[in-house]
Protein backbone atom coordinates (compact mmCIF):
# COMPACT_ATOMS: atom_id res chain seq x y z
CA MET A 1 85.23 -13.43 6.92
CA PRO A 2 87.91 -14.91 4.42
CA GLU A 3 87.55 -18.60 3.47
CA PHE A 4 90.95 -20.64 3.24
CA THR A 5 91.80 -24.15 1.89
CA PHE A 6 94.54 -25.99 3.56
CA GLN A 7 96.70 -29.24 3.43
CA ALA A 8 97.78 -30.79 6.82
CA LEU A 9 98.82 -34.19 8.19
CA ALA A 10 97.35 -36.27 10.96
CA SER A 11 98.90 -37.85 13.65
CA SER A 12 98.64 -40.91 11.73
CA GLY A 13 100.35 -39.44 8.61
CA GLU A 14 97.36 -39.40 6.45
CA GLN A 15 97.12 -36.01 4.33
CA ILE A 16 93.94 -34.23 4.92
CA THR A 17 92.39 -31.13 2.90
CA GLY A 18 89.38 -29.21 3.50
CA THR A 19 88.37 -25.88 3.98
CA LEU A 20 87.90 -23.01 6.95
CA ASP A 21 86.88 -19.85 7.44
CA ALA A 22 89.18 -17.45 9.96
CA PRO A 23 90.18 -13.61 9.94
CA SER A 24 93.56 -14.20 8.85
CA ARG A 25 96.04 -16.86 7.72
CA ARG A 26 97.66 -16.87 10.75
CA GLU A 27 94.23 -17.76 12.73
CA ALA A 28 93.87 -20.23 10.00
CA PHE A 29 97.02 -22.02 11.00
CA ARG A 30 95.89 -22.09 14.55
CA GLN A 31 92.49 -23.67 13.76
CA ILE A 32 94.51 -26.43 11.98
CA GLU A 33 96.58 -27.00 14.45
CA SER A 34 93.98 -26.98 17.45
CA ARG A 35 92.30 -30.14 15.62
CA GLN A 36 95.36 -31.99 16.27
CA LEU A 37 96.93 -31.79 12.61
CA SER A 38 100.40 -30.60 11.46
CA PRO A 39 99.43 -27.69 8.48
CA LEU A 40 101.40 -28.32 5.20
CA HIS A 41 99.68 -25.48 2.93
CA VAL A 42 97.23 -22.81 3.79
CA ALA A 43 96.15 -20.54 0.83
CA GLU A 44 92.97 -18.09 0.91
CA LYS A 45 90.35 -19.10 -1.27
CA SER A 46 87.91 -16.14 -1.30
CA ALA A 47 88.75 -12.49 0.32
CA GLN A 48 84.95 -11.94 0.23
CA ALA A 49 83.42 -11.60 3.78
CA THR A 50 81.02 -14.07 5.25
CA ASN A 51 78.44 -14.43 8.03
CA GLY A 52 80.07 -17.89 8.99
CA ALA A 53 79.78 -19.40 12.33
CA ASN A 54 82.97 -20.50 12.92
CA LYS A 55 83.36 -18.40 15.90
CA LYS A 56 83.75 -21.47 18.40
CA SER A 57 86.40 -22.65 16.16
CA THR A 58 88.34 -19.48 16.25
CA ARG A 59 87.99 -18.80 19.86
CA SER A 60 89.38 -22.77 20.46
CA ALA A 61 92.47 -22.38 18.07
CA SER A 62 93.55 -19.07 20.36
CA GLY A 63 95.99 -21.09 22.35
CA SER A 64 98.18 -22.78 20.13
CA ALA A 65 101.14 -24.47 21.84
CA GLY A 66 104.63 -23.46 21.80
CA PRO A 67 106.57 -20.62 22.93
CA ASP A 68 104.98 -17.22 23.08
CA PRO A 69 105.98 -15.54 19.44
CA THR A 70 105.23 -12.21 20.53
CA GLY A 71 107.79 -9.39 21.65
CA PRO A 72 111.35 -9.01 20.38
CA GLY A 73 113.37 -11.82 18.84
CA PRO A 74 115.91 -13.89 20.59
CA ARG A 75 119.81 -13.08 19.74
CA LEU A 76 121.69 -16.43 18.87
CA LYS A 77 125.47 -16.73 19.73
CA ALA A 78 127.61 -18.39 16.82
CA ALA A 79 127.01 -21.64 18.36
CA ARG A 80 123.38 -21.91 18.54
CA LEU A 81 122.92 -20.02 14.99
CA ILE A 82 125.09 -22.73 13.67
CA PHE A 83 122.96 -25.54 15.49
CA PHE A 84 119.64 -23.92 14.61
CA THR A 85 120.79 -23.55 10.69
CA SER A 86 122.18 -27.18 10.83
CA GLU A 87 119.28 -28.68 12.64
CA LEU A 88 116.77 -26.94 10.32
CA ALA A 89 118.53 -28.04 6.97
CA ASP A 90 118.06 -31.78 8.33
CA LEU A 91 114.46 -31.32 8.88
CA LEU A 92 114.05 -29.97 5.40
CA GLU A 93 116.25 -32.31 3.95
CA ALA A 94 114.39 -35.40 5.38
CA GLY A 95 111.07 -33.98 3.38
CA LEU A 96 109.51 -31.89 6.11
CA PRO A 97 107.67 -28.79 4.61
CA VAL A 98 109.06 -25.71 6.23
CA GLN A 99 106.06 -24.58 7.99
CA GLN A 100 106.27 -28.09 9.89
CA ALA A 101 109.67 -28.04 10.25
CA LEU A 102 109.31 -24.98 12.26
CA ASN A 103 106.80 -26.70 14.32
CA VAL A 104 109.40 -29.18 15.60
CA MET A 105 111.78 -26.22 16.22
CA ALA A 106 109.48 -24.56 17.98
CA GLU A 107 107.80 -27.50 20.25
CA ARG A 108 109.98 -30.04 20.59
CA GLN A 109 113.76 -28.62 20.96
CA GLN A 110 115.19 -28.68 24.48
CA ASP A 111 116.95 -25.28 24.12
CA PRO A 112 114.49 -22.26 24.93
CA VAL A 113 116.44 -19.98 22.68
CA ILE A 114 115.96 -22.58 19.58
CA ARG A 115 112.34 -22.82 20.69
CA ARG A 116 111.58 -18.91 20.69
CA THR A 117 113.38 -18.54 17.44
CA GLY A 118 111.23 -21.06 15.59
CA ALA A 119 108.28 -19.81 17.12
CA HIS A 120 108.73 -16.27 15.83
CA LEU A 121 109.70 -17.60 12.60
CA ARG A 122 106.55 -19.68 12.62
CA HIS A 123 104.57 -16.45 13.52
CA HIS A 124 105.75 -14.39 10.90
CA LEU A 125 105.84 -17.04 8.13
CA ARG A 126 101.73 -17.40 9.06
CA ASP A 127 101.63 -13.39 8.41
CA GLY A 128 102.12 -14.24 4.56
CA GLN A 129 105.64 -12.92 4.59
CA THR A 130 108.43 -15.00 2.47
CA LEU A 131 111.15 -17.00 4.66
CA ALA A 132 113.62 -14.78 4.03
CA ALA A 133 111.75 -12.09 5.19
CA SER A 134 110.48 -13.86 8.34
CA PHE A 135 114.29 -14.60 9.27
CA ARG A 136 115.17 -10.99 8.92
CA GLN A 137 112.47 -9.74 11.33
CA THR A 138 112.82 -12.72 13.87
CA SER A 139 116.19 -11.64 15.15
CA PRO A 140 119.47 -9.25 14.17
CA SER A 141 121.53 -12.63 14.45
CA PHE A 142 120.17 -13.49 10.86
CA ASP A 143 122.02 -10.60 8.89
CA ASP A 144 121.87 -9.54 5.44
CA LEU A 145 124.29 -11.96 4.22
CA TYR A 146 122.13 -14.96 6.28
CA THR A 147 118.80 -13.76 4.96
CA SER A 148 120.22 -12.96 1.23
CA LEU A 149 121.17 -16.80 0.88
CA ILE A 150 117.81 -17.88 2.28
CA ALA A 151 116.22 -15.92 -0.15
CA ALA A 152 118.14 -17.56 -2.86
CA GLY A 153 117.51 -21.15 -1.56
CA GLU A 154 113.86 -20.37 -1.12
CA ALA A 155 113.77 -18.85 -5.24
CA SER A 156 115.84 -21.92 -6.47
CA GLY A 157 114.32 -24.57 -4.49
CA THR A 158 117.75 -25.56 -2.95
CA LEU A 159 116.97 -24.36 0.67
CA PRO A 160 118.10 -27.66 2.20
CA GLY A 161 121.78 -27.72 0.46
CA VAL A 162 122.23 -23.75 0.74
CA LEU A 163 121.41 -24.13 4.75
CA HIS A 164 123.84 -27.00 5.18
CA ARG A 165 126.58 -25.08 3.06
CA MET A 166 125.85 -22.06 5.61
CA ALA A 167 126.01 -24.07 8.45
CA GLN A 168 129.52 -25.47 7.10
CA SER A 169 130.59 -21.94 6.36
CA MET A 170 129.63 -20.52 9.40
CA THR A 171 131.55 -23.15 11.40
CA GLN A 172 134.66 -22.96 9.84
CA LEU A 173 134.48 -18.89 10.43
CA HIS A 174 133.65 -19.81 14.13
CA ASP A 175 136.77 -22.01 13.98
CA LEU A 176 139.06 -19.81 12.56
CA GLN A 177 137.43 -16.78 15.53
CA ARG A 178 138.00 -19.34 18.32
CA ARG A 179 141.62 -20.31 17.15
CA PHE A 180 142.46 -16.57 16.99
CA VAL A 181 141.24 -16.12 20.21
CA GLN A 182 143.30 -19.09 21.84
CA ALA A 183 146.34 -17.63 20.00
CA LEU A 184 146.07 -14.53 21.94
CA VAL A 185 144.96 -16.11 25.44
CA TYR A 186 148.14 -17.61 26.47
CA PRO A 187 150.39 -14.56 25.61
CA ALA A 188 147.99 -12.21 27.37
CA PHE A 189 147.92 -14.67 30.39
CA MET A 190 151.88 -14.63 30.51
CA ILE A 191 152.24 -11.14 30.30
CA ALA A 192 149.53 -10.41 33.19
CA ALA A 193 151.90 -12.95 35.18
CA CYS A 194 154.92 -10.73 34.67
CA VAL A 195 153.18 -7.67 35.34
CA ALA A 196 151.94 -9.34 38.64
CA LEU A 197 155.20 -10.54 39.41
CA MET A 198 157.14 -7.39 38.93
CA ALA A 199 154.30 -5.89 41.15
CA VAL A 200 154.72 -7.83 43.82
CA PHE A 201 158.62 -7.48 43.92
CA THR A 202 158.24 -3.79 43.43
CA LEU A 203 155.80 -3.02 45.89
CA VAL A 204 156.08 -5.63 48.32
CA LEU A 205 159.34 -7.23 48.79
CA VAL A 206 161.78 -4.45 48.04
CA PRO A 207 160.04 -1.88 50.48
CA GLN A 208 160.66 -4.55 53.22
CA LEU A 209 164.20 -4.57 52.58
CA THR A 210 164.62 -0.76 52.17
CA SER A 211 164.82 -0.21 56.09
CA LEU A 212 167.47 -2.98 56.30
CA LEU A 213 169.73 -1.40 53.59
CA ALA A 214 169.41 1.93 55.25
CA LYS A 215 170.58 0.93 58.59
CA SER A 216 173.77 -0.55 56.73
CA GLY A 217 175.47 2.89 55.72
CA GLN A 218 177.08 0.85 52.71
CA GLN A 219 177.18 2.20 49.38
CA LEU A 220 174.74 0.41 47.27
CA PRO A 221 175.15 -0.77 43.57
CA PRO A 222 174.09 1.31 41.16
CA ILE A 223 171.52 -1.18 39.59
CA THR A 224 170.14 -1.61 43.63
CA ARG A 225 169.69 1.96 44.11
CA LEU A 226 167.82 2.41 40.75
CA LEU A 227 165.35 -0.42 41.82
CA LEU A 228 164.79 1.20 45.33
CA ASP A 229 164.12 4.26 43.50
CA PHE A 230 161.84 2.79 40.86
CA SER A 231 160.05 0.84 43.92
CA ALA A 232 159.70 4.07 46.05
CA PHE A 233 158.14 5.82 42.82
CA CYS A 234 155.86 3.14 42.54
CA THR A 235 154.72 2.88 45.97
CA ALA A 236 154.37 6.75 46.29
CA HIS A 237 152.62 7.38 42.92
CA TRP A 238 150.83 3.93 42.17
CA TRP A 239 147.47 5.69 41.85
CA HIS A 240 148.66 8.32 39.68
CA MET A 241 149.75 5.26 37.23
CA LEU A 242 146.71 3.72 37.39
CA LEU A 243 144.84 7.21 37.03
CA GLY A 244 146.88 7.83 33.73
CA ALA A 245 146.54 4.32 32.43
CA GLY A 246 142.77 4.28 32.66
CA ALA A 247 142.88 8.15 31.02
CA ALA A 248 145.11 6.58 28.29
CA ALA A 249 142.71 3.71 27.41
CA THR A 250 139.76 6.01 27.49
CA LEU A 251 141.48 8.42 25.10
CA PHE A 252 142.22 5.34 22.92
CA ARG A 253 138.64 4.18 23.13
CA VAL A 254 137.32 7.67 21.95
CA LEU A 255 140.03 8.05 19.48
CA ILE A 256 139.00 4.45 17.50
CA ALA A 257 135.11 5.25 17.88
CA THR A 258 135.65 7.95 15.07
CA THR A 259 135.49 6.88 11.68
CA SER A 260 139.22 8.08 10.97
CA GLY A 261 140.86 6.84 14.10
CA ARG A 262 138.88 3.33 13.57
CA LEU A 263 139.99 3.36 9.81
CA TRP A 264 144.00 3.82 11.33
CA TRP A 265 143.57 1.33 13.98
CA ASP A 266 142.63 -1.39 12.11
CA ARG A 267 144.93 -0.91 9.59
CA ALA A 268 147.94 -0.31 12.21
CA LYS A 269 147.13 -3.79 13.69
CA MET A 270 148.22 -5.53 10.84
CA ALA A 271 151.64 -4.01 11.32
CA ILE A 272 152.14 -5.31 14.53
CA PRO A 273 154.91 -8.02 14.53
CA LEU A 274 153.37 -11.81 14.96
CA ILE A 275 149.61 -10.45 15.52
CA GLY A 276 149.29 -8.51 12.57
CA PRO A 277 150.00 -11.52 9.72
CA ILE A 278 147.46 -13.60 11.63
CA ILE A 279 144.73 -10.94 11.68
CA GLU A 280 145.73 -10.55 7.66
CA THR A 281 145.34 -14.04 7.09
CA ARG A 282 142.00 -14.43 9.01
CA PHE A 283 140.54 -11.91 6.77
CA TYR A 284 141.59 -13.51 3.76
CA ALA A 285 140.32 -16.92 4.50
CA GLY A 286 137.00 -15.31 5.94
CA PHE A 287 136.41 -13.34 2.71
CA THR A 288 137.37 -16.34 0.32
CA GLN A 289 135.17 -18.87 2.04
CA ALA A 290 132.04 -16.35 2.48
CA LEU A 291 132.72 -15.25 -1.37
CA ALA A 292 132.33 -18.53 -2.46
CA ASN A 293 129.45 -19.70 -0.30
CA LEU A 294 127.90 -16.96 -1.55
CA ILE A 295 128.36 -17.60 -5.47
CA THR A 296 127.88 -21.14 -4.93
CA ASN A 297 124.48 -20.47 -3.62
CA GLY A 298 123.49 -18.15 -6.65
CA VAL A 299 124.05 -14.99 -5.49
CA PRO A 300 125.54 -12.53 -7.89
CA LEU A 301 128.93 -11.30 -7.50
CA LEU A 302 128.25 -7.85 -7.30
CA SER A 303 125.54 -8.31 -4.54
CA ALA A 304 127.59 -10.74 -2.57
CA LEU A 305 130.79 -8.34 -2.45
CA LYS A 306 128.34 -5.40 -1.05
CA LEU A 307 126.67 -8.30 1.47
CA LEU A 308 130.33 -9.05 2.19
CA VAL A 309 131.12 -5.24 2.69
CA ARG A 310 128.38 -4.91 5.21
CA GLY A 311 129.63 -7.82 7.27
CA THR A 312 133.41 -6.85 7.03
CA GLN A 313 134.56 -5.38 10.71
CA ASN A 314 138.12 -4.04 9.60
CA ARG A 315 137.23 -0.62 8.38
CA PHE A 316 140.46 -0.61 6.27
CA TYR A 317 139.75 -3.37 4.41
CA ARG A 318 136.04 -2.17 4.10
CA ALA A 319 137.17 0.45 2.35
CA ARG A 320 139.12 -1.48 -0.38
CA LEU A 321 136.29 -3.60 -0.80
CA GLY A 322 134.38 -0.39 -1.68
CA ASP A 323 136.76 0.67 -4.34
CA VAL A 324 136.53 -2.93 -5.77
CA ILE A 325 132.95 -3.00 -5.92
CA GLU A 326 132.94 0.23 -7.51
CA ALA A 327 135.52 -1.68 -10.49
CA VAL A 328 133.24 -4.49 -10.36
CA SER A 329 130.30 -2.68 -10.90
CA ALA A 330 131.98 -0.85 -14.22
CA GLY A 331 132.82 -4.04 -15.60
CA GLU A 332 135.90 -4.74 -14.83
CA PRO A 333 136.93 -8.37 -13.33
CA LEU A 334 137.17 -9.27 -9.65
CA SER A 335 140.84 -10.11 -9.74
CA ALA A 336 142.10 -6.87 -11.58
CA SER A 337 139.92 -4.92 -9.33
CA LEU A 338 141.47 -6.13 -6.00
CA ARG A 339 144.80 -5.54 -7.96
CA ARG A 340 143.61 -2.12 -8.29
CA ALA A 341 142.14 -1.61 -5.04
CA GLY A 342 145.96 -2.39 -3.39
CA HIS A 343 146.89 -4.16 -0.11
CA PHE A 344 145.44 -7.54 -1.48
CA GLN A 345 147.88 -10.44 -1.48
CA SER A 346 148.80 -11.10 -5.10
CA LEU A 347 148.54 -14.66 -4.46
CA MET A 348 144.46 -14.47 -3.69
CA THR A 349 144.35 -12.40 -6.89
CA ASP A 350 146.10 -14.70 -9.08
CA ILE A 351 143.87 -17.63 -7.83
CA ILE A 352 140.78 -15.47 -8.48
CA ALA A 353 142.19 -14.79 -11.61
CA VAL A 354 142.40 -18.51 -12.83
CA GLY A 355 138.81 -19.01 -11.34
CA GLU A 356 137.66 -16.58 -13.63
CA GLN A 357 139.17 -17.75 -16.81
CA THR A 358 138.15 -21.41 -16.20
CA GLY A 359 134.63 -20.48 -15.17
CA HIS A 360 134.74 -22.00 -11.77
CA LEU A 361 135.23 -18.94 -9.52
CA ALA A 362 133.61 -20.67 -6.68
CA LYS A 363 135.79 -23.54 -6.72
CA SER A 364 138.99 -21.42 -6.90
CA LEU A 365 138.03 -19.29 -4.12
CA GLU A 366 137.08 -22.34 -1.99
CA LYS A 367 140.65 -23.92 -2.63
CA ALA A 368 141.79 -20.55 -1.60
CA GLY A 369 139.75 -20.23 1.61
CA LEU A 370 141.24 -23.58 2.41
CA ARG A 371 144.70 -22.58 1.61
CA TYR A 372 144.48 -19.59 4.05
CA ASP A 373 142.69 -21.66 6.60
CA LYS A 374 146.10 -23.90 6.52
CA GLU A 375 148.22 -20.78 6.64
CA LEU A 376 146.55 -19.10 9.43
CA ASP A 377 146.64 -22.42 11.67
CA SER A 378 150.45 -22.85 10.69
CA ARG A 379 150.76 -18.95 11.85
CA ILE A 380 148.98 -19.26 15.22
CA LYS A 381 150.82 -22.32 16.00
CA ARG A 382 154.15 -20.49 15.33
CA LEU A 383 153.04 -17.53 17.36
CA THR A 384 152.31 -19.70 20.48
CA ALA A 385 155.48 -21.67 20.07
CA LEU A 386 157.38 -18.48 19.72
CA ILE A 387 155.62 -16.20 22.52
CA SER A 388 155.91 -18.64 25.28
CA PRO A 389 159.94 -18.97 25.29
CA VAL A 390 160.30 -15.12 24.77
CA ILE A 391 158.01 -14.19 27.61
CA ILE A 392 159.68 -16.83 30.00
CA VAL A 393 163.31 -15.58 29.08
CA PHE A 394 161.88 -12.08 29.85
CA LEU A 395 160.50 -13.15 33.21
CA ALA A 396 163.65 -15.09 33.94
CA GLY A 397 165.74 -12.13 33.02
CA VAL A 398 163.63 -9.87 35.06
CA VAL A 399 163.49 -12.24 38.25
CA THR A 400 167.28 -12.79 38.00
CA VAL A 401 168.05 -8.57 37.89
CA ILE A 402 165.78 -8.43 40.92
CA ALA A 403 167.04 -11.45 42.78
CA TYR A 404 170.82 -10.22 42.10
CA CYS A 405 169.74 -6.84 43.41
CA ILE A 406 168.06 -8.05 46.49
CA VAL A 407 171.26 -10.71 47.07
CA THR A 408 174.00 -8.15 46.97
CA SER A 409 171.98 -5.76 48.74
CA ILE A 410 171.83 -8.11 51.72
CA PHE A 411 175.63 -9.16 51.70
CA SER A 412 176.23 -5.14 52.14
CA ALA A 413 173.87 -4.72 54.62
CA VAL A 414 175.28 -7.40 56.88
CA SER A 415 178.70 -6.65 56.01
CA GLY A 416 177.88 -3.18 57.47
CA ILE A 417 176.31 -4.24 60.19
CA ARG A 418 179.42 -6.34 61.17
CA SER A 419 182.03 -3.59 60.49
CA GLN A 420 179.75 -1.24 63.06
CA THR A 421 179.69 -3.79 65.70
CA GLY A 422 183.23 -5.16 65.18
């Protein structure tokens, strides 16, 4: 049985060193924990098999505390991922070794998802894998970009700082996403209210007046006849309209599921008034902030661009970045590559060119990210300030037209009834 040397901390804070026999590195960790010790470092001393008599100790160590690390790893939403990264950075910055920090995450956190994540990481790390590989196998939430930064921090010995910068960057990107969604919620609500109001008028109120207007025998105004015909059509064919809308939505989803269709849609979205500039600015803000974070943490420029391409959801910009990667790999500067690829703002390429000339590309990218962040916030405020009065005016116009048709029709009907009775 292999022999392992270990360093561990007792509950009193005393550092203990020793040796033990265990069939695997993972089992060595379990034996150390069964002695109420916190392992700091465990290494195999000899690979030769022995006839040791440590079976009792091995059996007693089989039930370490903490969540079960077997099974698929948990998925972490953005908020949990940010919290986990920030918490791990704080523990490492406080001086705890990685293994002990993961023990804390696996056993003392209140959130069960965070505990499971810590347990899975600890499980893979005890198998002798690197920290970056452990993150990669723990959960799909730790993508290539995340694990590459972990590997860079692990290799350079600056893991706490890398984790802090990652948490800050993810917080900024999450805030961008949240503000973007919030900017679309209110317009969507107003449009839904407008559609509901028109449906009530068309399918409920107007049909109730149809019999009264028919009895009057009066010639109705053209706009009133148009409203009644539209109401009759909607009442008779509403299910056809629903089927048509469902078929159109299904056809659209099938279209954008194809590579060419998704490429067309991702480019067409940026041509939508008010919404398109927000999508474009959001991409620039995320791109510059993520690239600055990667370069600051020691990731080479070409590798950073390849990571960003895999993480870019917009297929149109992904294709443009693919052209940029080819140019950069051929030795062309990043700013010139962006200009050659086209469809990138000249302001961003100029800022990047200044950073390349001064040798402070990461700082220039950070400044560009802050600028686009402010611009995005300004565009979102402008959208919410403009869309509200536009929809209110439209609603008021619709209500006014329908009310006018109903009132004039009622007056016509009453006049017809009076002439008949007189």
